[in-house]
Amino acid sequence: MINCKEKILISAIELLDNEIVSGVTTNNLTKLQNVSEPALYSLYEGKQEILNYIIKEYASYIEW
């Protein structure tokens, strides 16, 4: 089963695939996976921390 933290990351990746970073909001992230905003903020400081995590973890998979 996917935990809350993973759901938020999945949402962020899906949204970033379709929007620019400024178009991604914490509200979008939580609605996509049916997670509450308080749950998001209990796991991450905010959108920037989520984006930094994705970049750090998945940068090696990106072909430049």
C-alpha atoms as a PDB file:
ATOM      1  CA  MET A   1       0.000   0.000   0.000  1.00  0.00           C
ATOM      2  CA  ILE A   2       1.249   3.477  -0.860  1.00  0.00           C
ATOM      3  CA  ASN A   3       1.800   5.707   2.164  1.00  0.00           C
ATOM      4  CA  CYS A   4       0.894   9.387   2.399  1.00  0.00           C
ATOM      5  CA  LYS A   5       4.426  10.600   1.653  1.00  0.00           C
ATOM      6  CA  GLU A   6       4.586   8.502  -1.516  1.00  0.00           C
ATOM      7  CA  LYS A   7       1.149   9.733  -2.614  1.00  0.00           C
ATOM      8  CA  ILE A   8       2.324  13.333  -2.358  1.00  0.00           C
ATOM      9  CA  LEU A   9       5.451  12.561  -4.409  1.00  0.00           C
ATOM     10  CA  ILE A  10       3.370  10.798  -7.071  1.00  0.00           C
ATOM     11  CA  SER A  11       1.088  13.828  -7.281  1.00  0.00           C
ATOM     12  CA  ALA A  12       4.029  16.181  -7.622  1.00  0.00           C
ATOM     13  CA  ILE A  13       5.582  14.150 -10.419  1.00  0.00           C
ATOM     14  CA  GLU A  14       2.264  13.904 -12.270  1.00  0.00           C
ATOM     15  CA  LEU A  15       1.617  17.634 -11.952  1.00  0.00           C
ATOM     16  CA  LEU A  16       5.149  18.575 -12.978  1.00  0.00           C
ATOM     17  CA  ASP A  17       4.731  16.474 -16.092  1.00  0.00           C
ATOM     18  CA  ASN A  18       1.858  18.749 -17.152  1.00  0.00           C
ATOM     19  CA  GLU A  19       2.599  22.140 -15.586  1.00  0.00           C
ATOM     20  CA  ILE A  20       5.452  24.486 -14.836  1.00  0.00           C
ATOM     21  CA  VAL A  21       6.669  24.563 -11.244  1.00  0.00           C
ATOM     22  CA  SER A  22       4.801  27.766 -10.415  1.00  0.00           C
ATOM     23  CA  GLY A  23       1.545  26.097 -11.482  1.00  0.00           C
ATOM     24  CA  VAL A  24       1.922  23.305  -8.932  1.00  0.00           C
ATOM     25  CA  THR A  25       0.354  24.114  -5.572  1.00  0.00           C
ATOM     26  CA  THR A  26       0.112  22.196  -2.329  1.00  0.00           C
ATOM     27  CA  ASN A  27      -3.644  22.239  -2.853  1.00  0.00           C
ATOM     28  CA  ASN A  28      -3.187  20.484  -6.236  1.00  0.00           C
ATOM     29  CA  LEU A  29      -0.853  17.938  -4.675  1.00  0.00           C
ATOM     30  CA  THR A  30      -3.254  16.993  -1.920  1.00  0.00           C
ATOM     31  CA  LYS A  31      -6.402  16.881  -4.048  1.00  0.00           C
ATOM     32  CA  LEU A  32      -4.876  14.576  -6.657  1.00  0.00           C
ATOM     33  CA  GLN A  33      -4.212  11.821  -4.118  1.00  0.00           C
ATOM     34  CA  ASN A  34      -6.944  12.696  -1.596  1.00  0.00           C
ATOM     35  CA  VAL A  35      -4.464  13.703   1.109  1.00  0.00           C
ATOM     36  CA  SER A  36      -5.112  16.563   3.527  1.00  0.00           C
ATOM     37  CA  GLU A  37      -2.932  19.675   3.519  1.00  0.00           C
ATOM     38  CA  PRO A  38      -2.141  19.207   7.240  1.00  0.00           C
ATOM     39  CA  ALA A  39      -0.841  15.715   6.347  1.00  0.00           C
ATOM     40  CA  LEU A  40       1.366  17.218   3.641  1.00  0.00           C
ATOM     41  CA  TYR A  41       2.788  19.804   6.037  1.00  0.00           C
ATOM     42  CA  SER A  42       3.423  17.158   8.690  1.00  0.00           C
ATOM     43  CA  LEU A  43       5.689  15.366   6.194  1.00  0.00           C
ATOM     44  CA  TYR A  44       7.189  18.257   4.214  1.00  0.00           C
ATOM     45  CA  GLU A  45       7.831  21.938   4.886  1.00  0.00           C
ATOM     46  CA  GLY A  46       6.144  22.804   1.613  1.00  0.00           C
ATOM     47  CA  LYS A  47       6.257  22.590  -2.152  1.00  0.00           C
ATOM     48  CA  GLN A  48       9.929  23.532  -2.428  1.00  0.00           C
ATOM     49  CA  GLU A  49      11.033  20.671  -0.167  1.00  0.00           C
ATOM     50  CA  ILE A  50       8.997  18.206  -2.237  1.00  0.00           C
ATOM     51  CA  LEU A  51      10.485  19.497  -5.482  1.00  0.00           C
ATOM     52  CA  ASN A  52      14.010  19.405  -4.063  1.00  0.00           C
ATOM     53  CA  TYR A  53      13.481  15.800  -2.982  1.00  0.00           C
ATOM     54  CA  ILE A  54      12.250  14.777  -6.425  1.00  0.00           C
ATOM     55  CA  ILE A  55      15.194  16.451  -8.126  1.00  0.00           C
ATOM     56  CA  LYS A  56      17.688  14.871  -5.729  1.00  0.00           C
ATOM     57  CA  GLU A  57      16.201  11.367  -5.955  1.00  0.00           C
ATOM     58  CA  TYR A  58      15.402  11.237  -9.661  1.00  0.00           C
ATOM     59  CA  ALA A  59      18.089  13.401 -11.296  1.00  0.00           C
ATOM     60  CA  SER A  60      20.189  10.345 -12.116  1.00  0.00           C
ATOM     61  CA  TYR A  61      17.345   9.017 -14.319  1.00  0.00           C
ATOM     62  CA  ILE A  62      17.146  12.142 -16.458  1.00  0.00           C
ATOM     63  CA  GLU A  63      18.947  12.011 -19.783  1.00  0.00           C
ATOM     64  CA  TRP A  64      20.452  15.371 -20.690  1.00  0.00           C
END
